[in-house]
C-alpha atoms as a PDB file:
ATOM      1  CA  MET A   1      19.107 -23.461  35.722  1.00  0.00           C
ATOM      2  CA  LYS A   2      15.662 -24.848  34.971  1.00  0.00           C
ATOM      3  CA  ILE A   3      14.097 -21.454  35.820  1.00  0.00           C
ATOM      4  CA  ILE A   4      16.343 -19.655  33.330  1.00  0.00           C
ATOM      5  CA  TYR A   5      15.498 -22.208  30.627  1.00  0.00           C
ATOM      6  CA  THR A   6      11.755 -21.857  31.294  1.00  0.00           C
ATOM      7  CA  PHE A   7      12.009 -18.060  31.317  1.00  0.00           C
ATOM      8  CA  SER A   8      13.961 -18.100  28.029  1.00  0.00           C
ATOM      9  CA  ILE A   9      11.335 -20.300  26.369  1.00  0.00           C
ATOM     10  CA  ALA A  10       8.527 -18.024  27.613  1.00  0.00           C
ATOM     11  CA  VAL A  11      10.270 -14.912  26.244  1.00  0.00           C
ATOM     12  CA  LEU A  12      10.900 -16.620  22.923  1.00  0.00           C
ATOM     13  CA  ILE A  13       7.238 -17.623  22.596  1.00  0.00           C
ATOM     14  CA  PHE A  14       6.161 -14.070  23.470  1.00  0.00           C
ATOM     15  CA  ILE A  15       8.447 -12.583  20.804  1.00  0.00           C
ATOM     16  CA  ILE A  16       7.308 -15.026  18.116  1.00  0.00           C
ATOM     17  CA  SER A  17       3.626 -14.449  18.839  1.00  0.00           C
ATOM     18  CA  GLY A  18       4.153 -10.666  18.836  1.00  0.00           C
ATOM     19  CA  CYS A  19       5.835 -10.819  15.423  1.00  0.00           C
ATOM     20  CA  GLN A  20       3.006 -12.948  14.052  1.00  0.00           C
ATOM     21  CA  THR A  21       0.439 -10.413  15.298  1.00  0.00           C
ATOM     22  CA  ILE A  22       2.271  -7.563  13.564  1.00  0.00           C
ATOM     23  CA  GLU A  23       2.557  -9.592  10.371  1.00  0.00           C
ATOM     24  CA  ASN A  24      -1.165 -10.418  10.431  1.00  0.00           C
ATOM     25  CA  LYS A  25      -2.112  -6.767  10.927  1.00  0.00           C
ATOM     26  CA  SER A  26       0.166  -5.572   8.137  1.00  0.00           C
ATOM     27  CA  GLU A  27      -1.199  -8.217   5.741  1.00  0.00           C
ATOM     28  CA  GLU A  28      -4.751  -7.138   6.604  1.00  0.00           C
ATOM     29  CA  THR A  29      -3.882  -3.484   5.986  1.00  0.00           C
ATOM     30  CA  ILE A  30      -2.264  -4.300   2.634  1.00  0.00           C
ATOM     31  CA  LYS A  31      -5.303  -6.352   1.624  1.00  0.00           C
ATOM     32  CA  LYS A  32      -7.669  -3.460   2.447  1.00  0.00           C
ATOM     33  CA  GLU A  33      -5.463  -1.011   0.536  1.00  0.00           C
ATOM     34  CA  ASN A  34      -5.410  -3.259  -2.541  1.00  0.00           C
ATOM     35  CA  GLU A  35      -9.200  -3.743  -2.406  1.00  0.00           C
ATOM     36  CA  LYS A  36      -9.706   0.016  -2.199  1.00  0.00           C
ATOM     37  CA  LEU A  37      -7.357   0.810  -5.081  1.00  0.00           C
ATOM     38  CA  SER A  38      -8.448  -2.070  -7.319  1.00  0.00           C
ATOM     39  CA  LYS A  39     -11.879  -0.437  -7.601  1.00  0.00           C
ATOM     40  CA  PHE A  40     -10.239   2.107  -9.922  1.00  0.00           C
ATOM     41  CA  LEU A  41      -9.024  -0.528 -12.406  1.00  0.00           C
ATOM     42  CA  GLN A  42     -10.684  -0.210 -15.814  1.00  0.00           C
ATOM     43  CA  GLN A  43     -12.247   3.084 -14.711  1.00  0.00           C
ATOM     44  CA  PRO A  44     -11.676   6.352 -16.573  1.00  0.00           C
ATOM     45  CA  GLU A  45      -8.996   8.783 -15.472  1.00  0.00           C
ATOM     46  CA  SER A  46     -11.732  11.279 -14.600  1.00  0.00           C
ATOM     47  CA  GLU A  47     -13.202   8.909 -11.988  1.00  0.00           C
ATOM     48  CA  LEU A  48      -9.808   8.570 -10.318  1.00  0.00           C
ATOM     49  CA  LYS A  49      -9.424  12.356 -10.207  1.00  0.00           C
ATOM     50  CA  THR A  50     -12.949  12.778  -8.838  1.00  0.00           C
ATOM     51  CA  VAL A  51     -12.242  10.482  -5.891  1.00  0.00           C
ATOM     52  CA  MET A  52      -8.510  11.060  -5.275  1.00  0.00           C
ATOM     53  CA  GLY A  53      -8.199  14.643  -6.492  1.00  0.00           C
ATOM     54  CA  GLU A  54      -5.481  16.018  -8.718  1.00  0.00           C
ATOM     55  CA  PRO A  55      -2.269  13.976  -8.567  1.00  0.00           C
ATOM     56  CA  ASP A  56       0.833  15.363  -6.881  1.00  0.00           C
ATOM     57  CA  LYS A  57       2.955  14.283  -9.859  1.00  0.00           C
ATOM     58  CA  VAL A  58       2.329  13.077 -13.399  1.00  0.00           C
ATOM     59  CA  GLU A  59       4.969  11.007 -15.200  1.00  0.00           C
ATOM     60  CA  ARG A  60       4.924   9.624 -18.726  1.00  0.00           C
ATOM     61  CA  ASN A  61       6.686   6.650 -20.298  1.00  0.00           C
ATOM     62  CA  ASP A  62       7.719   5.866 -23.874  1.00  0.00           C
ATOM     63  CA  ASN A  63       4.619   3.726 -24.495  1.00  0.00           C
ATOM     64  CA  GLY A  64       2.276   6.682 -24.111  1.00  0.00           C
ATOM     65  CA  SER A  65       1.096   5.750 -20.615  1.00  0.00           C
ATOM     66  CA  LYS A  66       0.778   8.297 -17.822  1.00  0.00           C
ATOM     67  CA  PHE A  67       1.369   7.680 -14.150  1.00  0.00           C
ATOM     68  CA  PHE A  68      -0.595   9.667 -11.587  1.00  0.00           C
ATOM     69  CA  ILE A  69       1.287   9.785  -8.304  1.00  0.00           C
ATOM     70  CA  TYR A  70      -0.410  10.693  -5.033  1.00  0.00           C
ATOM     71  CA  ILE A  71       1.823  11.356  -2.025  1.00  0.00           C
ATOM     72  CA  LYS A  72       0.677  11.709   1.577  1.00  0.00           C
ATOM     73  CA  LYS A  73       2.543  11.734   4.889  1.00  0.00           C
ATOM     74  CA  LYS A  74       1.254  10.088   8.049  1.00  0.00           C
ATOM     75  CA  TYR A  75       3.337   9.849  11.215  1.00  0.00           C
ATOM     76  CA  THR A  76       6.417  10.876   9.179  1.00  0.00           C
ATOM     77  CA  ILE A  77       5.884   7.870   6.872  1.00  0.00           C
ATOM     78  CA  THR A  78       5.405   8.704   3.201  1.00  0.00           C
ATOM     79  CA  CYS A  79       2.537   6.971   1.442  1.00  0.00           C
ATOM     80  CA  GLU A  80       2.838   6.837  -2.343  1.00  0.00           C
ATOM     81  CA  ARG A  81       0.062   5.586  -4.598  1.00  0.00           C
ATOM     82  CA  LYS A  82       0.873   5.336  -8.296  1.00  0.00           C
ATOM     83  CA  PHE A  83      -1.786   4.682 -10.947  1.00  0.00           C
ATOM     84  CA  GLU A  84      -1.020   3.794 -14.559  1.00  0.00           C
ATOM     85  CA  ILE A  85      -3.271   5.435 -17.143  1.00  0.00           C
ATOM     86  CA  ASP A  86      -3.200   4.023 -20.693  1.00  0.00           C
ATOM     87  CA  ARG A  87      -3.638   5.909 -23.982  1.00  0.00           C
ATOM     88  CA  ASN A  88      -7.422   5.514 -23.735  1.00  0.00           C
ATOM     89  CA  LYS A  89      -7.372   7.372 -20.382  1.00  0.00           C
ATOM     90  CA  MET A  90      -8.292   4.237 -18.433  1.00  0.00           C
ATOM     91  CA  VAL A  91      -6.662   3.093 -15.191  1.00  0.00           C
ATOM     92  CA  VAL A  92      -4.815  -0.141 -15.950  1.00  0.00           C
ATOM     93  CA  GLY A  93      -2.617  -0.640 -12.875  1.00  0.00           C
ATOM     94  CA  PHE A  94      -1.502   0.677  -9.507  1.00  0.00           C
ATOM     95  CA  THR A  95       1.160   0.356  -6.836  1.00  0.00           C
ATOM     96  CA  SER A  96       1.108   1.429  -3.224  1.00  0.00           C
ATOM     97  CA  LYS A  97       4.063   1.929  -0.891  1.00  0.00           C
ATOM     98  CA  GLY A  98       4.026   2.902   2.768  1.00  0.00           C
ATOM     99  CA  CYS A  99       0.248   3.287   2.987  1.00  0.00           C
ATOM    100  CA  PHE A 100      -1.677   2.074   6.030  1.00  0.00           C
END
């Protein structure tokens, strides 16, 4: 009985440490992605297009802002980067989903 208890504790510790490793790696990846994309903030739309190319989609909202959407696939996972462009053609925000 003591062997089963010890084995169960060892497996539990292994699972918890594995989950923490995955969480740490994903947080690091998200941090790098945000650092990369934040360099475009307060830059002109033309700079974004120079580096990222033409967007896959362009959406507009009622406030006069545009959203440039860049979509890529990697390992069957869709990466979507969305940049908000204000009326002055400056990048004022971004979101990123599924990018690593």
